[in-house]
PDB file of N, CA and C in Angstrom:
ATOM      1  N   MET A   1      83.073  89.480  96.644  1.00  0.00           N
ATOM      2  CA  MET A   1      82.286  89.910  95.501  1.00  0.00           C
ATOM      3  C   MET A   1      81.201  90.880  95.987  1.00  0.00           C
ATOM      4  N   GLU A   2      81.116  91.993  95.315  1.00  0.00           N
ATOM      5  CA  GLU A   2      80.156  93.013  95.723  1.00  0.00           C
ATOM      6  C   GLU A   2      78.777  92.730  95.134  1.00  0.00           C
ATOM      7  N   ASN A   3      77.757  92.976  95.953  1.00  0.00           N
ATOM      8  CA  ASN A   3      76.416  92.834  95.428  1.00  0.00           C
ATOM      9  C   ASN A   3      76.007  94.155  94.765  1.00  0.00           C
ATOM     10  N   GLU A   4      74.827  94.177  94.215  1.00  0.00           N
ATOM     11  CA  GLU A   4      74.366  95.350  93.458  1.00  0.00           C
ATOM     12  C   GLU A   4      74.274  96.604  94.324  1.00  0.00           C
ATOM     13  N   LYS A   5      73.792  96.441  95.557  1.00  0.00           N
ATOM     14  CA  LYS A   5      73.666  97.578  96.463  1.00  0.00           C
ATOM     15  C   LYS A   5      75.033  98.176  96.785  1.00  0.00           C
ATOM     16  N   GLN A   6      76.031  97.306  97.019  1.00  0.00           N
ATOM     17  CA  GLN A   6      77.379  97.784  97.308  1.00  0.00           C
ATOM     18  C   GLN A   6      77.986  98.509  96.106  1.00  0.00           C
ATOM     19  N   LYS A   7      77.708  98.006  94.917  1.00  0.00           N
ATOM     20  CA  LYS A   7      78.227  98.652  93.697  1.00  0.00           C
ATOM     21  C   LYS A   7      77.635 100.055  93.547  1.00  0.00           C
ATOM     22  N   GLU A   8      76.349 100.163  93.803  1.00  0.00           N
ATOM     23  CA  GLU A   8      75.692 101.466  93.701  1.00  0.00           C
ATOM     24  C   GLU A   8      76.237 102.426  94.749  1.00  0.00           C
ATOM     25  N   LEU A   9      76.429 101.931  95.958  1.00  0.00           N
ATOM     26  CA  LEU A   9      76.968 102.753  97.036  1.00  0.00           C
ATOM     27  C   LEU A   9      78.383 103.212  96.709  1.00  0.00           C
ATOM     28  N   ARG A  10      79.178 102.306  96.179  1.00  0.00           N
ATOM     29  CA  ARG A  10      80.557 102.658  95.815  1.00  0.00           C
ATOM     30  C   ARG A  10      80.582 103.741  94.741  1.00  0.00           C
ATOM     31  N   GLU A  11      79.713 103.626  93.765  1.00  0.00           N
ATOM     32  CA  GLU A  11      79.627 104.654  92.722  1.00  0.00           C
ATOM     33  C   GLU A  11      79.230 106.002  93.315  1.00  0.00           C
ATOM     34  N   LEU A  12      78.296 105.976  94.246  1.00  0.00           N
ATOM     35  CA  LEU A  12      77.836 107.191  94.898  1.00  0.00           C
ATOM     36  C   LEU A  12      78.959 107.838  95.712  1.00  0.00           C
ATOM     37  N   LEU A  13      79.794 107.010  96.321  1.00  0.00           N
ATOM     38  CA  LEU A  13      80.884 107.502  97.168  1.00  0.00           C
ATOM     39  C   LEU A  13      82.192 107.737  96.406  1.00  0.00           C
ATOM     40  N   MET A  14      82.201 107.499  95.111  1.00  0.00           N
ATOM     41  CA  MET A  14      83.430 107.598  94.330  1.00  0.00           C
ATOM     42  C   MET A  14      84.130 108.957  94.437  1.00  0.00           C
ATOM     43  N   PRO A  15      83.431 110.091  94.467  1.00  0.00           N
ATOM     44  CA  PRO A  15      84.153 111.366  94.623  1.00  0.00           C
ATOM     45  C   PRO A  15      84.965 111.431  95.926  1.00  0.00           C
ATOM     46  N   ALA A  16      84.414 110.945  97.013  1.00  0.00           N
ATOM     47  CA  ALA A  16      85.140 110.941  98.288  1.00  0.00           C
ATOM     48  C   ALA A  16      86.297 109.947  98.245  1.00  0.00           C
ATOM     49  N   LEU A  17      86.069 108.782  97.647  1.00  0.00           N
ATOM     50  CA  LEU A  17      87.142 107.791  97.510  1.00  0.00           C
ATOM     51  C   LEU A  17      88.277 108.338  96.653  1.00  0.00           C
ATOM     52  N   GLN A  18      87.930 109.021  95.578  1.00  0.00           N
ATOM     53  CA  GLN A  18      88.934 109.613  94.694  1.00  0.00           C
ATOM     54  C   GLN A  18      89.731 110.686  95.432  1.00  0.00           C
ATOM     55  N   CYS A  19      89.060 111.457  96.255  1.00  0.00           N
ATOM     56  CA  CYS A  19      89.716 112.497  97.048  1.00  0.00           C
ATOM     57  C   CYS A  19      90.731 111.881  98.013  1.00  0.00           C
ATOM     58  N   LYS A  20      90.334 110.811  98.697  1.00  0.00           N
ATOM     59  CA  LYS A  20      91.239 110.140  99.639  1.00  0.00           C
ATOM     60  C   LYS A  20      92.393 109.490  98.892  1.00  0.00           C
ATOM     61  N   TYR A  21      92.124 108.903  97.746  1.00  0.00           N
ATOM     62  CA  TYR A  21      93.163 108.310  96.905  1.00  0.00           C
ATOM     63  C   TYR A  21      94.188 109.371  96.505  1.00  0.00           C
ATOM     64  N   ASP A  22      93.707 110.509  96.046  1.00  0.00           N
ATOM     65  CA  ASP A  22      94.598 111.608  95.646  1.00  0.00           C
ATOM     66  C   ASP A  22      95.427 112.114  96.824  1.00  0.00           C
ATOM     67  N   GLU A  23      94.805 112.194  97.994  1.00  0.00           N
ATOM     68  CA  GLU A  23      95.522 112.641  99.193  1.00  0.00           C
ATOM     69  C   GLU A  23      96.679 111.701  99.521  1.00  0.00           C
ATOM     70  N   PHE A  24      96.411 110.405  99.529  1.00  0.00           N
ATOM     71  CA  PHE A  24      97.459 109.435  99.834  1.00  0.00           C
ATOM     72  C   PHE A  24      98.575 109.480  98.795  1.00  0.00           C
ATOM     73  N   ARG A  25      98.208 109.660  97.534  1.00  0.00           N
ATOM     74  CA  ARG A  25      99.218 109.751  96.471  1.00  0.00           C
ATOM     75  C   ARG A  25     100.076 111.009  96.646  1.00  0.00           C
ATOM     76  N   LEU A  26      99.455 112.101  97.041  1.00  0.00           N
ATOM     77  CA  LEU A  26     100.218 113.331  97.293  1.00  0.00           C
ATOM     78  C   LEU A  26     101.190 113.164  98.450  1.00  0.00           C
ATOM     79  N   LEU A  27     100.853 112.315  99.398  1.00  0.00           N
ATOM     80  CA  LEU A  27     101.725 112.050 100.533  1.00  0.00           C
ATOM     81  C   LEU A  27     102.871 111.102 100.169  1.00  0.00           C
ATOM     82  N   GLY A  28     102.868 110.621  98.928  1.00  0.00           N
ATOM     83  CA  GLY A  28     103.960 109.780  98.448  1.00  0.00           C
ATOM     84  C   GLY A  28     103.678 108.293  98.441  1.00  0.00           C
ATOM     85  N   TYR A  29     102.470 107.892  98.728  1.00  0.00           N
ATOM     86  CA  TYR A  29     102.107 106.478  98.725  1.00  0.00           C
ATOM     87  C   TYR A  29     101.600 106.102  97.339  1.00  0.00           C
ATOM     88  N   GLU A  30     102.535 105.759  96.470  1.00  0.00           N
ATOM     89  CA  GLU A  30     102.236 105.514  95.057  1.00  0.00           C
ATOM     90  C   GLU A  30     101.492 104.200  94.811  1.00  0.00           C
ATOM     91  N   GLN A  31     101.603 103.232  95.730  1.00  0.00           N
ATOM     92  CA  GLN A  31     101.008 101.915  95.515  1.00  0.00           C
ATOM     93  C   GLN A  31      99.532 101.845  95.910  1.00  0.00           C
ATOM     94  N   VAL A  32      99.024 102.879  96.518  1.00  0.00           N
ATOM     95  CA  VAL A  32      97.639 102.868  96.995  1.00  0.00           C
ATOM     96  C   VAL A  32      96.669 102.737  95.815  1.00  0.00           C
ATOM     97  N   THR A  33      95.571 102.021  96.061  1.00  0.00           N
ATOM     98  CA  THR A  33      94.521 101.914  95.045  1.00  0.00           C
ATOM     99  C   THR A  33      93.170 102.218  95.685  1.00  0.00           C
ATOM    100  N   ILE A  34      92.250 102.605  94.872  1.00  0.00           N
ATOM    101  CA  ILE A  34      90.887 102.872  95.357  1.00  0.00           C
ATOM    102  C   ILE A  34      90.268 101.581  95.880  1.00  0.00           C
ATOM    103  N   ASP A  35      90.553 100.466  95.228  1.00  0.00           N
ATOM    104  CA  ASP A  35      90.025  99.174  95.688  1.00  0.00           C
ATOM    105  C   ASP A  35      90.521  98.844  97.090  1.00  0.00           C
ATOM    106  N   GLN A  36      91.797  99.109  97.363  1.00  0.00           N
ATOM    107  CA  GLN A  36      92.341  98.841  98.693  1.00  0.00           C
ATOM    108  C   GLN A  36      91.732  99.766  99.738  1.00  0.00           C
ATOM    109  N   ILE A  37      91.527 101.020  99.385  1.00  0.00           N
ATOM    110  CA  ILE A  37      90.887 101.965 100.309  1.00  0.00           C
ATOM    111  C   ILE A  37      89.478 101.469 100.642  1.00  0.00           C
ATOM    112  N   TRP A  38      88.741 101.061  99.628  1.00  0.00           N
ATOM    113  CA  TRP A  38      87.380 100.558  99.819  1.00  0.00           C
ATOM    114  C   TRP A  38      87.388  99.315 100.715  1.00  0.00           C
ATOM    115  N   GLU A  39      88.304  98.391 100.440  1.00  0.00           N
ATOM    116  CA  GLU A  39      88.399  97.168 101.228  1.00  0.00           C
ATOM    117  C   GLU A  39      88.741  97.477 102.687  1.00  0.00           C
ATOM    118  N   CYS A  40      89.647  98.416 102.893  1.00  0.00           N
ATOM    119  CA  CYS A  40      90.020  98.823 104.248  1.00  0.00           C
ATOM    120  C   CYS A  40      88.809  99.372 104.994  1.00  0.00           C
ATOM    121  N   LEU A  41      88.078 100.241 104.364  1.00  0.00           N
ATOM    122  CA  LEU A  41      86.895 100.816 104.999  1.00  0.00           C
ATOM    123  C   LEU A  41      85.847  99.749 105.281  1.00  0.00           C
ATOM    124  N   ALA A  42      85.621  98.868 104.314  1.00  0.00           N
ATOM    125  CA  ALA A  42      84.600  97.830 104.465  1.00  0.00           C
ATOM    126  C   ALA A  42      84.948  96.867 105.597  1.00  0.00           C
ATOM    127  N   LYS A  43      86.225  96.536 105.744  1.00  0.00           N
ATOM    128  CA  LYS A  43      86.618  95.551 106.748  1.00  0.00           C
ATOM    129  C   LYS A  43      86.932  96.159 108.106  1.00  0.00           C
ATOM    130  N   LYS A  44      87.230  97.445 108.153  1.00  0.00           N
ATOM    131  CA  LYS A  44      87.590  98.076 109.422  1.00  0.00           C
ATOM    132  C   LYS A  44      86.468  98.953 109.982  1.00  0.00           C
ATOM    133  N   LYS A  45      86.010  99.895 109.207  1.00  0.00           N
ATOM    134  CA  LYS A  45      85.050 100.869 109.729  1.00  0.00           C
ATOM    135  C   LYS A  45      83.600 100.430 109.549  1.00  0.00           C
ATOM    136  N   TRP A  46      83.340  99.615 108.550  1.00  0.00           N
ATOM    137  CA  TRP A  46      81.961  99.235 108.248  1.00  0.00           C
ATOM    138  C   TRP A  46      81.708  97.757 108.473  1.00  0.00           C
ATOM    139  N   LYS A  47      82.517  97.095 109.263  1.00  0.00           N
ATOM    140  CA  LYS A  47      82.417  95.647 109.398  1.00  0.00           C
ATOM    141  C   LYS A  47      81.215  95.174 110.201  1.00  0.00           C
ATOM    142  N   ASN A  48      80.639  96.017 111.046  1.00  0.00           N
ATOM    143  CA  ASN A  48      79.515  95.563 111.872  1.00  0.00           C
ATOM    144  C   ASN A  48      78.189  95.545 111.114  1.00  0.00           C
ATOM    145  N   GLY A  49      78.155  96.067 109.910  1.00  0.00           N
ATOM    146  CA  GLY A  49      76.969  95.971 109.073  1.00  0.00           C
ATOM    147  C   GLY A  49      75.831  96.919 109.406  1.00  0.00           C
ATOM    148  N   GLU A  50      76.060  97.844 110.327  1.00  0.00           N
ATOM    149  CA  GLU A  50      74.987  98.778 110.676  1.00  0.00           C
ATOM    150  C   GLU A  50      74.761  99.761 109.522  1.00  0.00           C
ATOM    151  N   GLU A  51      73.529 100.152 109.355  1.00  0.00           N
ATOM    152  CA  GLU A  51      73.178 101.108 108.314  1.00  0.00           C
ATOM    153  C   GLU A  51      73.678 102.492 108.703  1.00  0.00           C
ATOM    154  N   LYS A  52      74.395 103.111 107.791  1.00  0.00           N
ATOM    155  CA  LYS A  52      74.893 104.457 108.040  1.00  0.00           C
ATOM    156  C   LYS A  52      74.318 105.400 107.004  1.00  0.00           C
ATOM    157  N   LYS A  53      74.204 106.628 107.393  1.00  0.00           N
ATOM    158  CA  LYS A  53      73.743 107.665 106.478  1.00  0.00           C
ATOM    159  C   LYS A  53      74.888 108.036 105.542  1.00  0.00           C
ATOM    160  N   LEU A  54      74.555 108.621 104.421  1.00  0.00           N
ATOM    161  CA  LEU A  54      75.552 108.963 103.410  1.00  0.00           C
ATOM    162  C   LEU A  54      76.646 109.866 103.975  1.00  0.00           C
ATOM    163  N   TYR A  55      76.270 110.869 104.759  1.00  0.00           N
ATOM    164  CA  TYR A  55      77.269 111.786 105.306  1.00  0.00           C
ATOM    165  C   TYR A  55      78.223 111.070 106.263  1.00  0.00           C
ATOM    166  N   GLU A  56      77.729 110.024 106.955  1.00  0.00           N
ATOM    167  CA  GLU A  56      78.598 109.255 107.848  1.00  0.00           C
ATOM    168  C   GLU A  56      79.619 108.436 107.052  1.00  0.00           C
ATOM    169  N   LEU A  57      79.180 107.889 105.936  1.00  0.00           N
ATOM    170  CA  LEU A  57      80.085 107.126 105.081  1.00  0.00           C
ATOM    171  C   LEU A  57      81.158 108.032 104.480  1.00  0.00           C
ATOM    172  N   VAL A  58      80.739 109.206 104.022  1.00  0.00           N
ATOM    173  CA  VAL A  58      81.699 110.166 103.470  1.00  0.00           C
ATOM    174  C   VAL A  58      82.691 110.588 104.552  1.00  0.00           C
ATOM    175  N   ASN A  59      82.203 110.830 105.751  1.00  0.00           N
ATOM    176  CA  ASN A  59      83.085 111.190 106.862  1.00  0.00           C
ATOM    177  C   ASN A  59      84.089 110.077 107.156  1.00  0.00           C
ATOM    178  N   ASP A  60      83.629 108.829 107.132  1.00  0.00           N
ATOM    179  CA  ASP A  60      84.525 107.696 107.355  1.00  0.00           C
ATOM    180  C   ASP A  60      85.642 107.670 106.308  1.00  0.00           C
ATOM    181  N   ILE A  61      85.287 107.930 105.073  1.00  0.00           N
ATOM    182  CA  ILE A  61      86.281 107.931 103.999  1.00  0.00           C
ATOM    183  C   ILE A  61      87.277 109.062 104.194  1.00  0.00           C
ATOM    184  N   LEU A  62      86.763 110.260 104.386  1.00  0.00           N
ATOM    185  CA  LEU A  62      87.641 111.424 104.470  1.00  0.00           C
ATOM    186  C   LEU A  62      88.467 111.461 105.751  1.00  0.00           C
ATOM    187  N   SER A  63      88.020 110.764 106.786  1.00  0.00           N
ATOM    188  CA  SER A  63      88.774 110.761 108.046  1.00  0.00           C
ATOM    189  C   SER A  63      89.746 109.587 108.146  1.00  0.00           C
ATOM    190  N   LEU A  64      89.786 108.729 107.134  1.00  0.00           N
ATOM    191  CA  LEU A  64      90.720 107.604 107.140  1.00  0.00           C
ATOM    192  C   LEU A  64      92.149 108.143 107.138  1.00  0.00           C
ATOM    193  N   GLN A  65      92.932 107.730 108.114  1.00  0.00           N
ATOM    194  CA  GLN A  65      94.316 108.172 108.242  1.00  0.00           C
ATOM    195  C   GLN A  65      95.241 107.190 107.539  1.00  0.00           C
ATOM    196  N   ILE A  66      96.375 107.708 107.082  1.00  0.00           N
ATOM    197  CA  ILE A  66      97.322 106.855 106.372  1.00  0.00           C
ATOM    198  C   ILE A  66      97.827 105.734 107.270  1.00  0.00           C
ATOM    199  N   GLY A  67      97.971 105.998 108.559  1.00  0.00           N
ATOM    200  CA  GLY A  67      98.409 104.964 109.491  1.00  0.00           C
ATOM    201  C   GLY A  67      97.431 103.803 109.580  1.00  0.00           C
ATOM    202  N   GLU A  68      96.138 104.112 109.602  1.00  0.00           N
ATOM    203  CA  GLU A  68      95.107 103.074 109.630  1.00  0.00           C
ATOM    204  C   GLU A  68      95.167 102.231 108.366  1.00  0.00           C
ATOM    205  N   TYR A  69      95.302 102.930 107.250  1.00  0.00           N
ATOM    206  CA  TYR A  69      95.353 102.258 105.954  1.00  0.00           C
ATOM    207  C   TYR A  69      96.582 101.352 105.863  1.00  0.00           C
ATOM    208  N   MET A  70      97.753 101.870 106.243  1.00  0.00           N
ATOM    209  CA  MET A  70      98.987 101.095 106.155  1.00  0.00           C
ATOM    210  C   MET A  70      98.954  99.900 107.106  1.00  0.00           C
ATOM    211  N   SER A  71      98.370 100.069 108.272  1.00  0.00           N
ATOM    212  CA  SER A  71      98.215  98.961 109.215  1.00  0.00           C
ATOM    213  C   SER A  71      97.351  97.868 108.603  1.00  0.00           C
ATOM    214  N   PHE A  72      96.259  98.261 107.976  1.00  0.00           N
ATOM    215  CA  PHE A  72      95.367  97.300 107.326  1.00  0.00           C
ATOM    216  C   PHE A  72      96.089  96.551 106.219  1.00  0.00           C
ATOM    217  N   ILE A  73      96.812  97.279 105.365  1.00  0.00           N
ATOM    218  CA  ILE A  73      97.526  96.664 104.246  1.00  0.00           C
ATOM    219  C   ILE A  73      98.594  95.694 104.762  1.00  0.00           C
ATOM    220  N   THR A  74      99.289  96.090 105.814  1.00  0.00           N
ATOM    221  CA  THR A  74     100.320  95.230 106.389  1.00  0.00           C
ATOM    222  C   THR A  74      99.708  93.936 106.924  1.00  0.00           C
ATOM    223  N   MET A  75      98.604  94.051 107.648  1.00  0.00           N
ATOM    224  CA  MET A  75      97.950  92.860 108.197  1.00  0.00           C
ATOM    225  C   MET A  75      97.419  91.963 107.082  1.00  0.00           C
ATOM    226  N   GLN A  76      96.888  92.555 106.027  1.00  0.00           N
ATOM    227  CA  GLN A  76      96.412  91.777 104.887  1.00  0.00           C
ATOM    228  C   GLN A  76      97.564  91.004 104.255  1.00  0.00           C
ATOM    229  N   SER A  77      98.699  91.656 104.147  1.00  0.00           N
ATOM    230  CA  SER A  77      99.878  91.016 103.579  1.00  0.00           C
ATOM    231  C   SER A  77     100.321  89.831 104.426  1.00  0.00           C
ATOM    232  N   TYR A  78     100.347  90.017 105.743  1.00  0.00           N
ATOM    233  CA  TYR A  78     100.701  88.920 106.650  1.00  0.00           C
ATOM    234  C   TYR A  78      99.732  87.754 106.515  1.00  0.00           C
ATOM    235  N   LYS A  79      98.446  88.070 106.435  1.00  0.00           N
ATOM    236  CA  LYS A  79      97.441  87.013 106.299  1.00  0.00           C
ATOM    237  C   LYS A  79      97.616  86.245 104.994  1.00  0.00           C
ATOM    238  N   GLU A  80      97.879  86.965 103.921  1.00  0.00           N
ATOM    239  CA  GLU A  80      98.078  86.310 102.623  1.00  0.00           C
ATOM    240  C   GLU A  80      99.316  85.427 102.639  1.00  0.00           C
ATOM    241  N   GLN A  81     100.391  85.905 103.258  1.00  0.00           N
ATOM    242  CA  GLN A  81     101.608  85.099 103.361  1.00  0.00           C
ATOM    243  C   GLN A  81     101.358  83.833 104.163  1.00  0.00           C
ATOM    244  N   ARG A  82     100.633  83.991 105.234  1.00  0.00           N
ATOM    245  CA  ARG A  82     100.353  82.842 106.102  1.00  0.00           C
ATOM    246  C   ARG A  82      99.512  81.807 105.375  1.00  0.00           C
ATOM    247  N   LEU A  83      98.512  82.258 104.631  1.00  0.00           N
ATOM    248  CA  LEU A  83      97.669  81.340 103.874  1.00  0.00           C
ATOM    249  C   LEU A  83      98.467  80.635 102.776  1.00  0.00           C
ATOM    250  N   ALA A  84      99.443  81.346 102.213  1.00  0.00           N
ATOM    251  CA  ALA A  84     100.269  80.770 101.156  1.00  0.00           C
ATOM    252  C   ALA A  84     101.373  79.882 101.714  1.00  0.00           C
ATOM    253  N   GLY A  85     101.550  79.879 103.034  1.00  0.00           N
ATOM    254  CA  GLY A  85     102.579  79.064 103.648  1.00  0.00           C
ATOM    255  C   GLY A  85     103.958  79.685 103.585  1.00  0.00           C
ATOM    256  N   ASP A  86     104.045  80.981 103.276  1.00  0.00           N
ATOM    257  CA  ASP A  86     105.318  81.691 103.169  1.00  0.00           C
ATOM    258  C   ASP A  86     105.584  82.523 104.412  1.00  0.00           C
ATOM    259  N   ASP A  87     105.324  81.976 105.567  1.00  0.00           N
ATOM    260  CA  ASP A  87     105.443  82.747 106.795  1.00  0.00           C
ATOM    261  C   ASP A  87     106.847  82.630 107.383  1.00  0.00           C
ATOM    262  N   ASP A  88     107.779  83.394 106.838  1.00  0.00           N
ATOM    263  CA  ASP A  88     109.161  83.379 107.319  1.00  0.00           C
ATOM    264  C   ASP A  88     109.259  83.892 108.745  1.00  0.00           C
ATOM    265  N   LEU A  89     108.444  84.873 109.098  1.00  0.00           N
ATOM    266  CA  LEU A  89     108.458  85.429 110.442  1.00  0.00           C
ATOM    267  C   LEU A  89     108.096  84.353 111.474  1.00  0.00           C
ATOM    268  N   GLU A  90     107.076  83.586 111.192  1.00  0.00           N
ATOM    269  CA  GLU A  90     106.669  82.540 112.119  1.00  0.00           C
ATOM    270  C   GLU A  90     107.756  81.472 112.238  1.00  0.00           C
ATOM    271  N   ALA A  91     108.391  81.106 111.141  1.00  0.00           N
ATOM    272  CA  ALA A  91     109.476  80.129 111.175  1.00  0.00           C
ATOM    273  C   ALA A  91     110.647  80.660 111.998  1.00  0.00           C
ATOM    274  N   MET A  92     110.948  81.935 111.838  1.00  0.00           N
ATOM    275  CA  MET A  92     112.035  82.547 112.589  1.00  0.00           C
ATOM    276  C   MET A  92     111.725  82.547 114.090  1.00  0.00           C
ATOM    277  N   LEU A  93     110.493  82.872 114.447  1.00  0.00           N
ATOM    278  CA  LEU A  93     110.095  82.860 115.845  1.00  0.00           C
ATOM    279  C   LEU A  93     110.171  81.457 116.443  1.00  0.00           C
ATOM    280  N   GLU A  94     109.777  80.457 115.681  1.00  0.00           N
ATOM    281  CA  GLU A  94     109.843  79.081 116.156  1.00  0.00           C
ATOM    282  C   GLU A  94     111.290  78.673 116.410  1.00  0.00           C
ATOM    283  N   GLU A  95     112.212  79.108 115.549  1.00  0.00           N
ATOM    284  CA  GLU A  95     113.632  78.807 115.741  1.00  0.00           C
ATOM    285  C   GLU A  95     114.179  79.453 117.008  1.00  0.00           C
ATOM    286  N   LEU A  96     113.719  80.687 117.270  1.00  0.00           N
ATOM    287  CA  LEU A  96     114.205  81.408 118.443  1.00  0.00           C
ATOM    288  C   LEU A  96     113.660  80.835 119.739  1.00  0.00           C
ATOM    289  N   LEU A  97     112.451  80.313 119.681  1.00  0.00           N
ATOM    290  CA  LEU A  97     111.821  79.776 120.889  1.00  0.00           C
ATOM    291  C   LEU A  97     112.135  78.325 120.980  1.00  0.00           C
TER     292      LEU A  97
END
């Protein structure tokens, strides 16, 4: 859940987020969402909580590569499956070992 400061920051950064969203969509990634881009940045690039200047945040958004984003989404998916107990990969590995 975002606090008020995060909501204000997100609104301020929305043009850059929209630009990155449009870029990913142009590359053919139709499932991408602005919320996922924001979550990826918050958990990967901004996770240490240090205060950054506005231009640094915009740079982080615009320099986000599709590979970084897809890696994040894939790991999130694995984590969600594991929490739900639907970890077929882990069951398969246990059978092999």
